[in-house]
Amino acid sequence: MQNYQKFAHVYDKMGSDRFSARMFQYTQRLLVKLKYRPRSVLDLACGTGTVAVLWARNNIKTYGIDGSDQMLAVAQKKIREQHVNVALSCQPLTSFTLPQKVDLVTCYYDSLNYLLTLSDLTAGFKAAWRVLHEGGYFIFDVNTPEAMKVLWGSHVYADETADVSWIWKNCYFPRLDRAEIRAVFFVRQGDAYERFEETHAERGYGAREIRKALKAAGLRPVHIYDCLTFNRPQRNSMRLAVVAQKKS
């Protein structure tokens, strides 16, 4: 089953875009630390466009790429409502292109964890290298293997809002550092609910694998942090924030 089809239309209602908005604010702090002011940005795996809109509001030339047409349809509606300019396209994370190079690429909220092999992750990094100007930065977050084991594990989660209820049933595969989630949704339709399912799989990546893939792609690892902080990651870190640069 293809991911983010019906899920796309309830994604924001579930608050699933909030973490990416936090990452946008964190990225501003990172850019201050780097003393770098981008004039153009690609938000990779842009989803429903929340972060792309935030970049565009800052008068930055903005591109958005996602692998789901349905997510991009929601993003396009949001962009029209916010009266900003964002160039959207549906492309895979491993082989995307742009009409011109950008100063910054961002990719948030587990998106790179959907690349289930190190070779695919390296391919995604190489695509980022190709679209970056010399000296440009790639800022992203990833779930670690520890997150796959502890947060995903073999747990069941459930929650609800006024219009949507959902149940996540996870299954963890330790030899692969991978987890799968069977997501069941119930969406209010008047006095009834529509039920649908999606299955998602992610692989956790540690700092060593990330450095290896970045270097293979020609990108220089600048900083790896315990995400949303400026602290070095620990063995039990659940999410990493990574700053990489295209070598000039």
C-alpha atoms as a PDB file:
ATOM      1  CA  MET A   1       0.000   0.000   0.000  1.00  0.00           C
ATOM      2  CA  GLN A   2       1.350   3.399  -0.936  1.00  0.00           C
ATOM      3  CA  ASN A   3       1.935   5.685   2.032  1.00  0.00           C
ATOM      4  CA  TYR A   4       0.511   9.143   2.684  1.00  0.00           C
ATOM      5  CA  GLN A   5      -2.580   8.853   0.522  1.00  0.00           C
ATOM      6  CA  LYS A   6      -5.632   9.321   2.759  1.00  0.00           C
ATOM      7  CA  PHE A   7      -3.218   9.982   5.642  1.00  0.00           C
ATOM      8  CA  ALA A   8      -2.198  13.197   3.847  1.00  0.00           C
ATOM      9  CA  HIS A   9      -5.632  14.720   4.409  1.00  0.00           C
ATOM     10  CA  VAL A  10      -5.577  14.223   8.185  1.00  0.00           C
ATOM     11  CA  TYR A  11      -1.830  14.747   8.729  1.00  0.00           C
ATOM     12  CA  ASP A  12      -2.098  18.341   9.970  1.00  0.00           C
ATOM     13  CA  LYS A  13      -5.299  17.617  11.910  1.00  0.00           C
ATOM     14  CA  MET A  14      -3.305  15.089  13.924  1.00  0.00           C
ATOM     15  CA  GLY A  15      -0.615  17.685  14.619  1.00  0.00           C
ATOM     16  CA  SER A  16       1.943  15.662  12.672  1.00  0.00           C
ATOM     17  CA  ASP A  17       3.481  18.803  11.158  1.00  0.00           C
ATOM     18  CA  ARG A  18       4.374  20.318  14.544  1.00  0.00           C
ATOM     19  CA  PHE A  19       7.767  18.671  14.876  1.00  0.00           C
ATOM     20  CA  SER A  20       8.872  19.971  11.479  1.00  0.00           C
ATOM     21  CA  ALA A  21       7.828  23.480  12.568  1.00  0.00           C
ATOM     22  CA  ARG A  22      10.040  23.036  15.652  1.00  0.00           C
ATOM     23  CA  MET A  23      12.880  21.902  13.414  1.00  0.00           C
ATOM     24  CA  PHE A  24      12.443  25.049  11.339  1.00  0.00           C
ATOM     25  CA  GLN A  25      12.985  27.193  14.444  1.00  0.00           C
ATOM     26  CA  TYR A  26      15.940  25.038  15.482  1.00  0.00           C
ATOM     27  CA  THR A  27      17.420  25.450  12.003  1.00  0.00           C
ATOM     28  CA  GLN A  28      17.306  29.225  12.431  1.00  0.00           C
ATOM     29  CA  ARG A  29      19.482  28.811  15.528  1.00  0.00           C
ATOM     30  CA  LEU A  30      21.838  26.536  13.630  1.00  0.00           C
ATOM     31  CA  LEU A  31      22.164  29.052  10.811  1.00  0.00           C
ATOM     32  CA  VAL A  32      23.017  31.806  13.305  1.00  0.00           C
ATOM     33  CA  LYS A  33      25.683  29.533  14.769  1.00  0.00           C
ATOM     34  CA  LEU A  34      27.018  28.865  11.258  1.00  0.00           C
ATOM     35  CA  LYS A  35      26.828  32.594  10.341  1.00  0.00           C
ATOM     36  CA  TYR A  36      25.064  31.574   7.148  1.00  0.00           C
ATOM     37  CA  ARG A  37      22.097  33.267   5.469  1.00  0.00           C
ATOM     38  CA  PRO A  38      20.590  31.215   2.640  1.00  0.00           C
ATOM     39  CA  ARG A  39      18.808  32.944  -0.211  1.00  0.00           C
ATOM     40  CA  SER A  40      17.297  29.731  -1.593  1.00  0.00           C
ATOM     41  CA  VAL A  41      16.182  26.494   0.021  1.00  0.00           C
ATOM     42  CA  LEU A  42      14.837  23.063  -0.854  1.00  0.00           C
ATOM     43  CA  ASP A  43      12.591  21.488   1.767  1.00  0.00           C
ATOM     44  CA  LEU A  44      13.012  17.805   0.931  1.00  0.00           C
ATOM     45  CA  ALA A  45      10.111  15.514   1.858  1.00  0.00           C
ATOM     46  CA  CYS A  46       8.124  18.700   2.388  1.00  0.00           C
ATOM     47  CA  GLY A  47       4.882  16.871   3.181  1.00  0.00           C
ATOM     48  CA  THR A  48       1.950  19.226   3.652  1.00  0.00           C
ATOM     49  CA  GLY A  49       4.162  22.257   3.107  1.00  0.00           C
ATOM     50  CA  THR A  50       4.220  23.734   6.610  1.00  0.00           C
ATOM     51  CA  VAL A  51       7.986  24.379   6.588  1.00  0.00           C
ATOM     52  CA  ALA A  52       8.097  25.385   2.925  1.00  0.00           C
ATOM     53  CA  VAL A  53       5.561  28.121   3.704  1.00  0.00           C
ATOM     54  CA  LEU A  54       7.691  29.315   6.630  1.00  0.00           C
ATOM     55  CA  TRP A  55      10.753  29.585   4.398  1.00  0.00           C
ATOM     56  CA  ALA A  56       8.800  31.424   1.709  1.00  0.00           C
ATOM     57  CA  ARG A  57       7.450  33.900   4.274  1.00  0.00           C
ATOM     58  CA  ASN A  58      11.060  34.869   4.939  1.00  0.00           C
ATOM     59  CA  ASN A  59      11.462  35.995   1.316  1.00  0.00           C
ATOM     60  CA  ILE A  60      13.633  32.991   0.484  1.00  0.00           C
ATOM     61  CA  LYS A  61      13.278  31.277  -2.876  1.00  0.00           C
ATOM     62  CA  THR A  62      11.724  27.972  -1.888  1.00  0.00           C
ATOM     63  CA  TYR A  63      11.358  24.562  -3.480  1.00  0.00           C
ATOM     64  CA  GLY A  64       9.464  21.613  -2.044  1.00  0.00           C
ATOM     65  CA  ILE A  65       9.864  17.981  -3.055  1.00  0.00           C
ATOM     66  CA  ASP A  66       7.863  15.020  -1.786  1.00  0.00           C
ATOM     67  CA  GLY A  67       7.183  11.477  -2.933  1.00  0.00           C
ATOM     68  CA  SER A  68       3.420  11.700  -2.321  1.00  0.00           C
ATOM     69  CA  ASP A  69       1.114  13.472  -4.751  1.00  0.00           C
ATOM     70  CA  GLN A  70      -1.551  13.650  -2.058  1.00  0.00           C
ATOM     71  CA  MET A  71       0.756  15.371   0.425  1.00  0.00           C
ATOM     72  CA  LEU A  72       1.746  17.844  -2.285  1.00  0.00           C
ATOM     73  CA  ALA A  73      -1.922  18.542  -3.069  1.00  0.00           C
ATOM     74  CA  VAL A  74      -2.425  19.550   0.568  1.00  0.00           C
ATOM     75  CA  ALA A  75       0.766  21.616   0.431  1.00  0.00           C
ATOM     76  CA  GLN A  76      -0.365  23.412  -2.726  1.00  0.00           C
ATOM     77  CA  LYS A  77      -3.664  24.375  -1.100  1.00  0.00           C
ATOM     78  CA  LYS A  78      -1.810  25.719   1.936  1.00  0.00           C
ATOM     79  CA  ILE A  79       0.584  27.695  -0.266  1.00  0.00           C
ATOM     80  CA  ARG A  80      -2.326  29.319  -2.129  1.00  0.00           C
ATOM     81  CA  GLU A  81      -4.065  30.217   1.132  1.00  0.00           C
ATOM     82  CA  GLN A  82      -0.885  31.754   2.537  1.00  0.00           C
ATOM     83  CA  HIS A  83      -0.189  33.718  -0.681  1.00  0.00           C
ATOM     84  CA  VAL A  84       3.439  32.617  -0.953  1.00  0.00           C
ATOM     85  CA  ASN A  85       5.498  31.185  -3.795  1.00  0.00           C
ATOM     86  CA  VAL A  86       6.853  27.651  -3.501  1.00  0.00           C
ATOM     87  CA  ALA A  87       7.804  25.454  -6.467  1.00  0.00           C
ATOM     88  CA  LEU A  88       6.568  21.924  -5.706  1.00  0.00           C
ATOM     89  CA  SER A  89       7.400  18.668  -7.446  1.00  0.00           C
ATOM     90  CA  CYS A  90       6.843  14.964  -6.818  1.00  0.00           C
ATOM     91  CA  GLN A  91      10.175  13.138  -6.865  1.00  0.00           C
ATOM     92  CA  PRO A  92      11.890  10.301  -4.978  1.00  0.00           C
ATOM     93  CA  LEU A  93      14.309  11.058  -2.138  1.00  0.00           C
ATOM     94  CA  THR A  94      17.092   9.146  -3.867  1.00  0.00           C
ATOM     95  CA  SER A  95      17.199  10.851  -7.276  1.00  0.00           C
ATOM     96  CA  PHE A  96      15.626  14.321  -7.166  1.00  0.00           C
ATOM     97  CA  THR A  97      16.697  17.283  -9.266  1.00  0.00           C
ATOM     98  CA  LEU A  98      16.017  21.042  -9.350  1.00  0.00           C
ATOM     99  CA  PRO A  99      16.064  23.592 -12.185  1.00  0.00           C
ATOM    100  CA  GLN A 100      18.792  25.510 -10.325  1.00  0.00           C
ATOM    101  CA  LYS A 101      21.027  24.992  -7.317  1.00  0.00           C
ATOM    102  CA  VAL A 102      20.118  26.163  -3.814  1.00  0.00           C
ATOM    103  CA  ASP A 103      21.999  27.387  -0.747  1.00  0.00           C
ATOM    104  CA  LEU A 104      20.306  25.050   1.721  1.00  0.00           C
ATOM    105  CA  VAL A 105      18.537  21.677   1.753  1.00  0.00           C
ATOM    106  CA  THR A 106      16.436  20.671   4.749  1.00  0.00           C
ATOM    107  CA  CYS A 107      14.779  17.329   5.467  1.00  0.00           C
ATOM    108  CA  TYR A 108      12.786  16.776   8.652  1.00  0.00           C
ATOM    109  CA  TYR A 109      10.817  14.368  10.802  1.00  0.00           C
ATOM    110  CA  ASP A 110      11.971  10.839  10.030  1.00  0.00           C
ATOM    111  CA  SER A 111      11.894  11.375   6.270  1.00  0.00           C
ATOM    112  CA  LEU A 112      15.367   9.962   5.639  1.00  0.00           C
ATOM    113  CA  ASN A 113      14.565   6.976   7.864  1.00  0.00           C
ATOM    114  CA  TYR A 114      12.240   5.813   5.083  1.00  0.00           C
ATOM    115  CA  LEU A 115      15.401   5.001   3.099  1.00  0.00           C
ATOM    116  CA  LEU A 116      15.874   1.447   4.325  1.00  0.00           C
ATOM    117  CA  THR A 117      19.411   0.726   3.088  1.00  0.00           C
ATOM    118  CA  LEU A 118      22.685   2.572   3.486  1.00  0.00           C
ATOM    119  CA  SER A 119      23.047   2.647  -0.304  1.00  0.00           C
ATOM    120  CA  ASP A 120      19.696   4.430  -0.647  1.00  0.00           C
ATOM    121  CA  LEU A 121      20.670   6.881   2.082  1.00  0.00           C
ATOM    122  CA  THR A 122      23.933   7.591   0.254  1.00  0.00           C
ATOM    123  CA  ALA A 123      21.998   8.076  -2.994  1.00  0.00           C
ATOM    124  CA  GLY A 124      19.768  10.630  -1.258  1.00  0.00           C
ATOM    125  CA  PHE A 125      22.842  12.450   0.050  1.00  0.00           C
ATOM    126  CA  LYS A 126      24.366  12.467  -3.448  1.00  0.00           C
ATOM    127  CA  ALA A 127      21.170  14.013  -4.831  1.00  0.00           C
ATOM    128  CA  ALA A 128      21.412  16.719  -2.151  1.00  0.00           C
ATOM    129  CA  TRP A 129      25.036  17.312  -3.138  1.00  0.00           C
ATOM    130  CA  ARG A 130      24.018  17.798  -6.762  1.00  0.00           C
ATOM    131  CA  VAL A 131      21.434  20.506  -6.004  1.00  0.00           C
ATOM    132  CA  LEU A 132      23.570  22.479  -3.526  1.00  0.00           C
ATOM    133  CA  HIS A 133      25.789  25.429  -4.322  1.00  0.00           C
ATOM    134  CA  GLU A 134      29.423  25.065  -3.332  1.00  0.00           C
ATOM    135  CA  GLY A 135      29.620  25.771   0.391  1.00  0.00           C
ATOM    136  CA  GLY A 136      25.877  25.179   0.844  1.00  0.00           C
ATOM    137  CA  TYR A 137      24.441  23.256   3.771  1.00  0.00           C
ATOM    138  CA  PHE A 138      22.248  20.193   4.230  1.00  0.00           C
ATOM    139  CA  ILE A 139      20.405  20.112   7.585  1.00  0.00           C
ATOM    140  CA  PHE A 140      18.304  17.112   8.571  1.00  0.00           C
ATOM    141  CA  ASP A 141      17.197  14.878  11.422  1.00  0.00           C
ATOM    142  CA  VAL A 142      17.078  11.090  11.715  1.00  0.00           C
ATOM    143  CA  ASN A 143      15.792   8.530  14.173  1.00  0.00           C
ATOM    144  CA  THR A 144      18.555   6.379  15.637  1.00  0.00           C
ATOM    145  CA  PRO A 145      18.585   2.596  16.104  1.00  0.00           C
ATOM    146  CA  GLU A 146      17.891   3.317  19.776  1.00  0.00           C
ATOM    147  CA  ALA A 147      14.648   5.040  18.774  1.00  0.00           C
ATOM    148  CA  MET A 148      13.634   2.036  16.685  1.00  0.00           C
ATOM    149  CA  LYS A 149      14.178  -0.216  19.692  1.00  0.00           C
ATOM    150  CA  VAL A 150      12.800   1.960  22.505  1.00  0.00           C
ATOM    151  CA  LEU A 151      10.195   4.304  21.019  1.00  0.00           C
ATOM    152  CA  TRP A 152       8.903   2.094  18.229  1.00  0.00           C
ATOM    153  CA  GLY A 153       9.741  -1.306  19.658  1.00  0.00           C
ATOM    154  CA  SER A 154       6.731  -3.588  19.660  1.00  0.00           C
ATOM    155  CA  HIS A 155       4.444  -0.998  21.212  1.00  0.00           C
ATOM    156  CA  VAL A 156       0.893   0.087  20.506  1.00  0.00           C
ATOM    157  CA  TYR A 157      -0.022   3.773  20.619  1.00  0.00           C
ATOM    158  CA  ALA A 158      -3.417   5.447  20.270  1.00  0.00           C
ATOM    159  CA  ASP A 159      -4.722   9.000  20.339  1.00  0.00           C
ATOM    160  CA  GLU A 160      -7.540  11.158  19.045  1.00  0.00           C
ATOM    161  CA  THR A 161      -8.604  14.665  18.117  1.00  0.00           C
ATOM    162  CA  ALA A 162     -12.104  15.972  17.507  1.00  0.00           C
ATOM    163  CA  ASP A 163     -12.117  14.585  13.948  1.00  0.00           C
ATOM    164  CA  VAL A 164      -9.556  11.784  13.855  1.00  0.00           C
ATOM    165  CA  SER A 165      -8.693   8.748  15.979  1.00  0.00           C
ATOM    166  CA  TRP A 166      -5.737   6.503  15.301  1.00  0.00           C
ATOM    167  CA  ILE A 167      -3.942   3.397  16.505  1.00  0.00           C
ATOM    168  CA  TRP A 168      -0.267   2.636  15.777  1.00  0.00           C
ATOM    169  CA  LYS A 169       0.870  -0.977  16.142  1.00  0.00           C
ATOM    170  CA  ASN A 170       4.649  -1.312  15.856  1.00  0.00           C
ATOM    171  CA  CYS A 171       6.929  -4.241  15.160  1.00  0.00           C
ATOM    172  CA  TYR A 172      10.698  -4.020  15.700  1.00  0.00           C
ATOM    173  CA  PHE A 173      13.334  -6.041  13.798  1.00  0.00           C
ATOM    174  CA  PRO A 174      16.600  -5.716  15.758  1.00  0.00           C
ATOM    175  CA  ARG A 175      18.911  -7.328  13.191  1.00  0.00           C
ATOM    176  CA  LEU A 176      17.855  -4.721  10.632  1.00  0.00           C
ATOM    177  CA  ASP A 177      17.583  -1.720  13.021  1.00  0.00           C
ATOM    178  CA  ARG A 178      14.169  -1.426  11.387  1.00  0.00           C
ATOM    179  CA  ALA A 179      10.613  -1.045  12.565  1.00  0.00           C
ATOM    180  CA  GLU A 180       7.255  -1.260  10.833  1.00  0.00           C
ATOM    181  CA  ILE A 181       4.071   0.421  11.878  1.00  0.00           C
ATOM    182  CA  ARG A 182       0.539  -0.573  10.988  1.00  0.00           C
ATOM    183  CA  ALA A 183      -1.475   2.626  11.288  1.00  0.00           C
ATOM    184  CA  VAL A 184      -5.271   2.430  11.512  1.00  0.00           C
ATOM    185  CA  PHE A 185      -7.242   5.675  11.181  1.00  0.00           C
ATOM    186  CA  PHE A 186     -10.855   6.571  11.922  1.00  0.00           C
ATOM    187  CA  VAL A 187     -11.880   9.873  10.342  1.00  0.00           C
ATOM    188  CA  ARG A 188     -15.169  11.547  11.240  1.00  0.00           C
ATOM    189  CA  GLN A 189     -17.574  11.853   8.318  1.00  0.00           C
ATOM    190  CA  GLY A 190     -20.690  13.481   9.768  1.00  0.00           C
ATOM    191  CA  ASP A 191     -22.183  10.998  12.247  1.00  0.00           C
ATOM    192  CA  ALA A 192     -20.008   8.114  11.017  1.00  0.00           C
ATOM    193  CA  TYR A 193     -16.302   7.338  10.687  1.00  0.00           C
ATOM    194  CA  GLU A 194     -14.248   6.262   7.686  1.00  0.00           C
ATOM    195  CA  ARG A 195     -11.620   3.611   8.500  1.00  0.00           C
ATOM    196  CA  PHE A 196      -8.391   3.160   6.551  1.00  0.00           C
ATOM    197  CA  GLU A 197      -4.935   1.691   7.084  1.00  0.00           C
ATOM    198  CA  GLU A 198      -1.357   2.391   6.039  1.00  0.00           C
ATOM    199  CA  THR A 199       1.878   0.518   6.735  1.00  0.00           C
ATOM    200  CA  HIS A 200       5.126   2.442   7.226  1.00  0.00           C
ATOM    201  CA  ALA A 201       8.687   1.168   7.662  1.00  0.00           C
ATOM    202  CA  GLU A 202      11.732   3.036   8.960  1.00  0.00           C
ATOM    203  CA  ARG A 203      15.352   2.184   9.585  1.00  0.00           C
ATOM    204  CA  GLY A 204      17.383   3.828  12.317  1.00  0.00           C
ATOM    205  CA  TYR A 205      20.784   5.355  11.515  1.00  0.00           C
ATOM    206  CA  GLY A 206      23.604   6.126  13.907  1.00  0.00           C
ATOM    207  CA  ALA A 207      26.247   8.832  13.658  1.00  0.00           C
ATOM    208  CA  ARG A 208      28.887   6.509  12.212  1.00  0.00           C
ATOM    209  CA  GLU A 209      26.674   5.374   9.316  1.00  0.00           C
ATOM    210  CA  ILE A 210      25.587   8.945   8.627  1.00  0.00           C
ATOM    211  CA  ARG A 211      29.186  10.182   8.461  1.00  0.00           C
ATOM    212  CA  LYS A 212      30.100   7.330   6.124  1.00  0.00           C
ATOM    213  CA  ALA A 213      27.207   8.052   3.756  1.00  0.00           C
ATOM    214  CA  LEU A 214      27.832  11.815   3.785  1.00  0.00           C
ATOM    215  CA  LYS A 215      31.509  11.402   2.950  1.00  0.00           C
ATOM    216  CA  ALA A 216      30.668   8.970   0.146  1.00  0.00           C
ATOM    217  CA  ALA A 217      28.372  11.642  -1.280  1.00  0.00           C
ATOM    218  CA  GLY A 218      30.994  14.397  -1.103  1.00  0.00           C
ATOM    219  CA  LEU A 219      29.375  16.157   1.843  1.00  0.00           C
ATOM    220  CA  ARG A 220      31.381  17.197   4.901  1.00  0.00           C
ATOM    221  CA  PRO A 221      29.829  16.390   8.288  1.00  0.00           C
ATOM    222  CA  VAL A 222      30.027  19.679  10.198  1.00  0.00           C
ATOM    223  CA  HIS A 223      27.957  18.975  13.310  1.00  0.00           C
ATOM    224  CA  ILE A 224      25.964  16.050  14.678  1.00  0.00           C
ATOM    225  CA  TYR A 225      23.825  16.941  17.688  1.00  0.00           C
ATOM    226  CA  ASP A 226      21.332  15.360  19.998  1.00  0.00           C
ATOM    227  CA  CYS A 227      18.361  16.773  18.109  1.00  0.00           C
ATOM    228  CA  LEU A 228      16.982  20.191  19.097  1.00  0.00           C
ATOM    229  CA  THR A 229      20.066  20.847  21.243  1.00  0.00           C
ATOM    230  CA  PHE A 230      23.701  21.762  20.717  1.00  0.00           C
ATOM    231  CA  ASN A 231      24.824  18.767  22.754  1.00  0.00           C
ATOM    232  CA  ARG A 232      26.860  15.866  21.456  1.00  0.00           C
ATOM    233  CA  PRO A 233      24.759  12.739  20.940  1.00  0.00           C
ATOM    234  CA  GLN A 234      24.916   9.985  23.531  1.00  0.00           C
ATOM    235  CA  ARG A 235      24.534   6.239  23.110  1.00  0.00           C
ATOM    236  CA  ASN A 236      20.887   6.553  24.150  1.00  0.00           C
ATOM    237  CA  SER A 237      20.058   9.512  21.863  1.00  0.00           C
ATOM    238  CA  MET A 238      16.788   8.904  20.041  1.00  0.00           C
ATOM    239  CA  ARG A 239      17.117  11.493  17.276  1.00  0.00           C
ATOM    240  CA  LEU A 240      20.102  13.192  15.674  1.00  0.00           C
ATOM    241  CA  ALA A 241      20.286  16.573  14.002  1.00  0.00           C
ATOM    242  CA  VAL A 242      22.936  16.733  11.299  1.00  0.00           C
ATOM    243  CA  VAL A 243      24.611  19.692   9.616  1.00  0.00           C
ATOM    244  CA  ALA A 244      26.592  18.824   6.486  1.00  0.00           C
ATOM    245  CA  GLN A 245      28.253  21.061   3.919  1.00  0.00           C
ATOM    246  CA  LYS A 246      29.077  20.705   0.252  1.00  0.00           C
ATOM    247  CA  LYS A 247      32.815  20.984  -0.019  1.00  0.00           C
ATOM    248  CA  SER A 248      33.985  24.127  -1.815  1.00  0.00           C
END
